[in-house]
């Protein structure tokens, strides 16, 4: 158990962040599988706006929907789908392992999350996405808390 109030607070924050990551991982998997259906959704959206565009080719909503569905590249969509499902599954697996205090899970989580953080940081500079920035900051916080928890867990077990 943590020795000081600060350690107790960090220990509790660790559990909150880890549980949140597991929930977010499940969300990523759901979104990833939704992206698997996107080509058929894009086709349906095109069919739905086709009549409106025939009637009014300058319709803002129909034009925007048509543009978005036409710009989804298959390769990009496959990558995003693979990324979300694999990262979500890794988060859930490591969340369960960390909550069960599996010693091997801490260095594995630090390594894996560091790799994903590197890629996310690269993507932030490409896309300037505020959402990705917020996710990356919380991922970095989780990484720091995992490393901190692992350090204190090893320190306690060596006594």
Protein backbone atom coordinates (compact mmCIF):
# COMPACT_ATOMS: atom_id res chain seq x y z
CA UNK A 1 0.00 0.00 0.00
CA UNK A 2 1.24 3.55 -0.69
CA UNK A 3 3.14 5.23 2.15
CA UNK A 4 2.04 8.88 1.89
CA UNK A 5 -1.08 10.81 0.96
CA UNK A 6 0.50 11.75 -2.36
CA UNK A 7 1.31 8.13 -3.10
CA UNK A 8 -2.22 7.08 -2.18
CA UNK A 9 -3.61 9.77 -4.49
CA UNK A 10 -1.34 8.65 -7.36
CA UNK A 11 -2.25 5.01 -6.70
CA UNK A 12 -5.96 5.82 -6.96
CA UNK A 13 -5.40 7.96 -10.05
CA UNK A 14 -3.53 5.02 -11.60
CA UNK A 15 -6.60 2.80 -11.17
CA UNK A 16 -8.96 5.46 -12.53
CA UNK A 17 -6.80 6.07 -15.61
CA UNK A 18 -6.27 2.34 -16.24
CA UNK A 19 -9.98 1.58 -16.00
CA UNK A 20 -10.71 4.54 -18.29
CA UNK A 21 -8.18 3.18 -20.80
CA UNK A 22 -9.95 -0.18 -20.78
CA UNK A 23 -13.30 1.48 -21.43
CA UNK A 24 -11.78 3.66 -24.15
CA UNK A 25 -10.18 0.54 -25.66
CA UNK A 26 -13.61 -1.07 -25.93
CA UNK A 27 -14.89 2.11 -27.62
CA UNK A 28 -11.98 1.98 -30.10
CA UNK A 29 -12.84 -1.61 -31.00
CA UNK A 30 -16.49 -0.68 -31.58
CA UNK A 31 -15.48 2.27 -33.79
CA UNK A 32 -12.99 0.07 -35.64
CA UNK A 33 -15.69 -2.47 -36.45
CA UNK A 34 -18.00 0.38 -37.48
CA UNK A 35 -15.30 1.47 -39.94
CA UNK A 36 -15.36 -2.04 -41.41
CA UNK A 37 -18.93 -1.25 -42.43
CA UNK A 38 -18.05 2.19 -43.83
CA UNK A 39 -17.74 1.17 -47.49
CA UNK A 40 -21.33 -0.04 -47.43
CA UNK A 41 -22.35 3.02 -45.42
CA UNK A 42 -20.60 5.24 -48.01
CA UNK A 43 -22.50 3.49 -50.79
CA UNK A 44 -25.82 3.93 -48.96
CA UNK A 45 -25.04 7.61 -48.25
CA UNK A 46 -24.26 8.16 -51.94
CA UNK A 47 -27.56 6.57 -52.94
CA UNK A 48 -29.43 8.75 -50.43
CA UNK A 49 -27.93 12.05 -51.64
CA UNK A 50 -27.98 11.18 -55.34
CA UNK A 51 -31.59 12.31 -55.74
CA UNK A 52 -30.99 15.56 -53.84
CA UNK A 53 -27.90 16.34 -55.94
CA UNK A 54 -29.84 15.66 -59.16
CA UNK A 55 -32.47 18.15 -57.96
CA UNK A 56 -30.01 20.75 -56.59
CA UNK A 57 -26.31 20.16 -57.40
CA UNK A 58 -25.31 22.98 -55.00
CA UNK A 59 -27.06 21.52 -51.92
CA UNK A 60 -24.50 22.07 -49.15
CA UNK A 61 -25.36 19.04 -46.99
CA UNK A 62 -25.68 16.58 -49.88
CA UNK A 63 -22.49 17.89 -51.49
CA UNK A 64 -20.59 17.57 -48.21
CA UNK A 65 -21.84 14.02 -47.58
CA UNK A 66 -20.95 13.04 -51.13
CA UNK A 67 -17.48 14.59 -50.82
CA UNK A 68 -16.72 12.86 -47.50
CA UNK A 69 -17.84 9.44 -48.73
CA UNK A 70 -15.86 9.82 -51.96
CA UNK A 71 -12.62 10.81 -50.21
CA UNK A 72 -12.49 7.75 -47.95
CA UNK A 73 -9.64 5.74 -49.43
CA UNK A 74 -9.82 2.00 -48.92
CA UNK A 75 -6.18 1.74 -47.80
CA UNK A 76 -6.52 4.55 -45.27
CA UNK A 77 -9.75 3.10 -43.95
CA UNK A 78 -8.18 -0.34 -43.55
CA UNK A 79 -5.25 1.14 -41.65
CA UNK A 80 -7.49 3.16 -39.31
CA UNK A 81 -9.65 0.09 -38.73
CA UNK A 82 -6.62 -2.10 -37.96
CA UNK A 83 -5.13 0.61 -35.71
CA UNK A 84 -8.31 1.09 -33.67
CA UNK A 85 -9.09 -2.59 -33.23
CA UNK A 86 -5.52 -3.64 -32.40
CA UNK A 87 -4.86 -0.72 -30.04
CA UNK A 88 -8.25 -1.17 -28.38
CA UNK A 89 -7.63 -4.89 -27.87
CA UNK A 90 -4.15 -4.19 -26.47
CA UNK A 91 -5.60 -1.61 -24.06
CA UNK A 92 -8.25 -4.02 -22.79
CA UNK A 93 -5.76 -6.89 -22.43
CA UNK A 94 -3.22 -4.72 -20.60
CA UNK A 95 -5.90 -3.07 -18.46
CA UNK A 96 -7.03 -6.45 -17.18
CA UNK A 97 -3.42 -7.54 -16.65
CA UNK A 98 -2.50 -4.33 -14.79
CA UNK A 99 -5.59 -4.52 -12.60
CA UNK A 100 -4.62 -8.10 -11.74
CA UNK A 101 -1.13 -6.76 -10.85
CA UNK A 102 0.70 -8.98 -13.32
CA UNK A 103 4.33 -7.90 -13.03
CA UNK A 104 5.13 -8.54 -16.71
CA UNK A 105 2.26 -6.26 -17.82
CA UNK A 106 3.89 -3.05 -16.55
CA UNK A 107 6.99 -3.05 -18.80
CA UNK A 108 4.91 -4.42 -21.67
CA UNK A 109 2.38 -1.60 -21.27
CA UNK A 110 5.13 1.03 -21.09
CA UNK A 111 6.76 -0.33 -24.24
CA UNK A 112 3.57 -0.73 -26.26
CA UNK A 113 2.04 2.57 -25.18
CA UNK A 114 5.33 4.37 -25.93
CA UNK A 115 5.21 3.05 -29.50
CA UNK A 116 1.62 4.20 -29.93
CA UNK A 117 2.46 7.56 -28.32
CA UNK A 118 5.27 8.06 -30.83
CA UNK A 119 2.92 7.42 -33.72
CA UNK A 120 0.19 9.63 -32.23
CA UNK A 121 2.68 12.47 -31.77
CA UNK A 122 3.71 12.12 -35.41
CA UNK A 123 0.03 12.23 -36.46
CA UNK A 124 -0.63 15.33 -34.32
CA UNK A 125 1.92 17.27 -36.33
CA UNK A 126 0.40 16.01 -39.58
CA UNK A 127 -3.26 16.61 -38.76
CA UNK A 128 -3.19 19.27 -36.02
CA UNK A 129 -6.05 17.34 -34.39
CA UNK A 130 -7.09 18.69 -30.99
CA UNK A 131 -8.87 15.42 -30.21
CA UNK A 132 -5.73 13.41 -30.91
CA UNK A 133 -3.73 15.86 -28.79
CA UNK A 134 -6.07 15.33 -25.80
CA UNK A 135 -5.94 11.54 -26.26
CA UNK A 136 -2.13 11.67 -26.48
CA UNK A 137 -1.85 13.76 -23.31
CA UNK A 138 -4.03 11.29 -21.38
CA UNK A 139 -2.01 8.41 -22.86
CA UNK A 140 1.20 10.08 -21.69
CA UNK A 141 -0.31 10.55 -18.21
CA UNK A 142 -1.28 6.87 -18.17
CA UNK A 143 2.23 5.90 -19.24
CA UNK A 144 3.78 7.95 -16.44
CA UNK A 145 1.38 6.47 -13.88
CA UNK A 146 2.09 2.91 -15.06
CA UNK A 147 5.84 3.49 -14.75
CA UNK A 148 5.36 5.09 -11.33
CA UNK A 149 3.14 2.26 -10.10
CA UNK A 150 5.59 -0.35 -11.38
CA UNK A 151 8.49 1.36 -9.63
CA UNK A 152 6.63 1.44 -6.30
CA UNK A 153 5.32 -2.10 -6.72
CA UNK A 154 8.88 -3.40 -7.20
CA UNK A 155 10.10 -1.27 -4.30
CA UNK A 156 7.41 -2.74 -2.00
CA UNK A 157 8.11 -6.30 -3.11
CA UNK A 158 11.86 -5.95 -2.47
CA UNK A 159 11.25 -5.16 1.20
